[in-house]
N, C-alpha and C. Protein backbone atom coordinates (compact mmCIF):
# COMPACT_ATOMS: atom_id res chain seq x y z
N MET A 1 37.45 6.36 59.08
CA MET A 1 38.88 6.49 59.27
C MET A 1 39.33 7.78 58.61
N ASP A 2 40.24 8.48 59.26
CA ASP A 2 40.82 9.70 58.71
C ASP A 2 42.27 9.45 58.35
N TYR A 3 42.75 10.22 57.39
CA TYR A 3 44.11 10.06 56.89
C TYR A 3 44.80 11.41 56.84
N ASP A 4 46.12 11.41 57.05
CA ASP A 4 46.94 12.61 56.94
C ASP A 4 47.63 12.60 55.59
N LEU A 5 47.73 13.77 54.99
CA LEU A 5 48.40 13.94 53.71
C LEU A 5 49.70 14.70 53.92
N TYR A 6 50.76 14.19 53.31
CA TYR A 6 52.06 14.86 53.31
C TYR A 6 52.45 15.12 51.86
N ILE A 7 53.06 16.29 51.64
CA ILE A 7 53.52 16.70 50.32
C ILE A 7 55.02 16.97 50.41
N ASN A 8 55.75 16.54 49.39
CA ASN A 8 57.17 16.85 49.30
C ASN A 8 57.27 18.04 48.35
N PRO A 9 57.65 19.24 48.85
CA PRO A 9 57.70 20.42 47.99
C PRO A 9 58.58 20.24 46.75
N LYS A 10 59.55 19.33 46.81
CA LYS A 10 60.41 19.07 45.65
C LYS A 10 59.68 18.25 44.60
N LYS A 11 58.64 17.54 45.01
CA LYS A 11 57.86 16.69 44.11
C LYS A 11 56.38 16.91 44.42
N ALA A 12 55.90 18.11 44.27
CA ALA A 12 54.56 18.49 44.68
C ALA A 12 53.45 17.73 43.95
N SER A 13 53.78 17.03 42.91
CA SER A 13 52.76 16.30 42.16
C SER A 13 52.44 14.94 42.81
N VAL A 14 53.16 14.61 43.90
CA VAL A 14 52.93 13.33 44.58
C VAL A 14 52.56 13.60 46.03
N GLY A 15 51.46 12.99 46.46
CA GLY A 15 51.04 13.08 47.85
C GLY A 15 51.24 11.75 48.53
N LEU A 16 51.53 11.78 49.82
CA LEU A 16 51.71 10.58 50.61
C LEU A 16 50.67 10.58 51.72
N TYR A 17 49.81 9.57 51.72
CA TYR A 17 48.76 9.45 52.73
C TYR A 17 49.14 8.37 53.74
N VAL A 18 48.87 8.65 55.01
CA VAL A 18 49.04 7.68 56.09
C VAL A 18 47.83 7.78 57.01
N ARG A 19 47.67 6.79 57.90
CA ARG A 19 46.59 6.88 58.88
C ARG A 19 46.79 8.12 59.73
N LYS A 20 45.71 8.77 60.09
CA LYS A 20 45.78 10.00 60.90
C LYS A 20 46.59 9.74 62.17
N GLY A 21 47.57 10.60 62.38
CA GLY A 21 48.40 10.54 63.57
C GLY A 21 49.58 9.58 63.48
N ALA A 22 49.69 8.82 62.40
CA ALA A 22 50.77 7.83 62.27
C ALA A 22 52.12 8.49 62.02
N GLY A 23 52.12 9.66 61.41
CA GLY A 23 53.39 10.30 61.07
C GLY A 23 54.14 9.52 60.02
N LEU A 24 55.43 9.78 59.91
CA LEU A 24 56.27 9.14 58.91
C LEU A 24 57.50 8.49 59.55
N PRO A 25 57.32 7.66 60.57
CA PRO A 25 58.47 7.13 61.31
C PRO A 25 59.38 6.21 60.50
N ASP A 26 58.87 5.52 59.50
CA ASP A 26 59.67 4.56 58.74
C ASP A 26 60.23 5.13 57.45
N LEU A 27 59.97 6.38 57.18
CA LEU A 27 60.42 6.99 55.93
C LEU A 27 61.79 7.61 56.13
N GLY A 28 62.76 7.15 55.39
CA GLY A 28 64.13 7.63 55.53
C GLY A 28 64.29 9.12 55.31
N GLU A 29 63.51 9.68 54.42
CA GLU A 29 63.59 11.11 54.10
C GLU A 29 62.37 11.86 54.62
N ALA A 30 61.92 11.54 55.81
CA ALA A 30 60.70 12.13 56.37
C ALA A 30 60.79 13.66 56.45
N LYS A 31 61.98 14.18 56.66
CA LYS A 31 62.13 15.65 56.79
C LYS A 31 61.77 16.38 55.50
N ASP A 32 61.76 15.66 54.37
CA ASP A 32 61.44 16.27 53.09
C ASP A 32 59.94 16.40 52.86
N TRP A 33 59.13 15.79 53.72
CA TRP A 33 57.68 15.79 53.57
C TRP A 33 57.04 16.74 54.57
N VAL A 34 56.06 17.51 54.11
CA VAL A 34 55.39 18.51 54.92
C VAL A 34 53.91 18.12 55.07
N PHE A 35 53.42 18.16 56.31
CA PHE A 35 52.02 17.86 56.58
C PHE A 35 51.14 18.85 55.83
N ASP A 36 50.12 18.35 55.15
CA ASP A 36 49.25 19.22 54.34
C ASP A 36 47.78 19.12 54.73
N GLY A 37 47.46 18.39 55.80
CA GLY A 37 46.08 18.33 56.27
C GLY A 37 45.59 16.91 56.44
N SER A 38 44.39 16.81 57.03
CA SER A 38 43.76 15.51 57.25
C SER A 38 42.49 15.41 56.41
N PHE A 39 42.18 14.19 56.01
CA PHE A 39 41.03 13.96 55.14
C PHE A 39 40.28 12.74 55.62
N GLY A 40 38.97 12.78 55.51
CA GLY A 40 38.15 11.63 55.83
C GLY A 40 38.14 10.64 54.68
N GLN A 41 37.83 9.40 54.99
CA GLN A 41 37.81 8.34 53.98
C GLN A 41 36.88 8.67 52.83
N ALA A 42 35.80 9.38 53.10
CA ALA A 42 34.83 9.73 52.06
C ALA A 42 35.44 10.66 51.01
N ASN A 43 36.52 11.34 51.35
CA ASN A 43 37.15 12.28 50.42
C ASN A 43 38.24 11.65 49.55
N LEU A 44 38.48 10.36 49.74
CA LEU A 44 39.52 9.67 48.97
C LEU A 44 38.92 8.55 48.13
N PRO A 45 39.54 8.22 47.01
CA PRO A 45 39.08 7.07 46.23
C PRO A 45 39.15 5.80 47.10
N ALA A 46 38.18 4.92 46.94
CA ALA A 46 38.10 3.71 47.76
C ALA A 46 39.38 2.88 47.68
N GLN A 47 39.96 2.76 46.51
CA GLN A 47 41.18 1.97 46.35
C GLN A 47 42.33 2.54 47.15
N LEU A 48 42.41 3.86 47.25
CA LEU A 48 43.48 4.50 48.01
C LEU A 48 43.33 4.16 49.49
N GLY A 49 42.11 4.21 50.00
CA GLY A 49 41.86 3.86 51.40
C GLY A 49 42.24 2.42 51.69
N LYS A 50 41.95 1.52 50.77
CA LYS A 50 42.30 0.10 50.94
C LYS A 50 43.81 -0.08 50.97
N GLU A 51 44.51 0.65 50.11
CA GLU A 51 45.96 0.56 50.06
C GLU A 51 46.59 1.07 51.35
N ILE A 52 46.07 2.18 51.89
CA ILE A 52 46.58 2.72 53.15
C ILE A 52 46.37 1.71 54.27
N GLU A 53 45.20 1.11 54.32
CA GLU A 53 44.92 0.13 55.36
C GLU A 53 45.81 -1.10 55.24
N ALA A 54 46.10 -1.52 54.03
CA ALA A 54 46.92 -2.72 53.82
C ALA A 54 48.41 -2.47 54.07
N LYS A 55 48.91 -1.33 53.60
CA LYS A 55 50.35 -1.05 53.65
C LYS A 55 50.74 -0.04 54.73
N GLY A 56 49.77 0.72 55.22
CA GLY A 56 50.07 1.78 56.18
C GLY A 56 50.31 3.11 55.52
N HIS A 57 50.40 3.13 54.19
CA HIS A 57 50.61 4.37 53.44
C HIS A 57 50.18 4.15 51.99
N ALA A 58 50.04 5.26 51.27
CA ALA A 58 49.77 5.20 49.82
C ALA A 58 50.20 6.51 49.20
N PHE A 59 50.76 6.40 48.01
CA PHE A 59 51.12 7.58 47.23
C PHE A 59 49.99 7.88 46.26
N ARG A 60 49.81 9.16 45.96
CA ARG A 60 48.75 9.58 45.03
C ARG A 60 49.26 10.67 44.12
N ASP A 61 48.93 10.57 42.84
CA ASP A 61 49.24 11.61 41.86
C ASP A 61 48.34 12.80 42.17
N MET A 62 48.92 13.93 42.48
CA MET A 62 48.16 15.11 42.89
C MET A 62 47.83 16.04 41.72
N ASP A 63 48.24 15.67 40.51
CA ASP A 63 47.95 16.52 39.35
C ASP A 63 46.53 16.34 38.89
């Protein structure tokens, strides 16, 4: 499974991951988030992948 990463330039220390191609349709402030690339499951911590699959998204500390 691949995931897309979005970064909010106002809060660059937080990343938002969603399933690849899902976009941010349910996020009220979607315009504040900028696509930053796609990543394979092997490049993410296992717990983060599980959270994305369960909730449809996951936030990650990018520091």
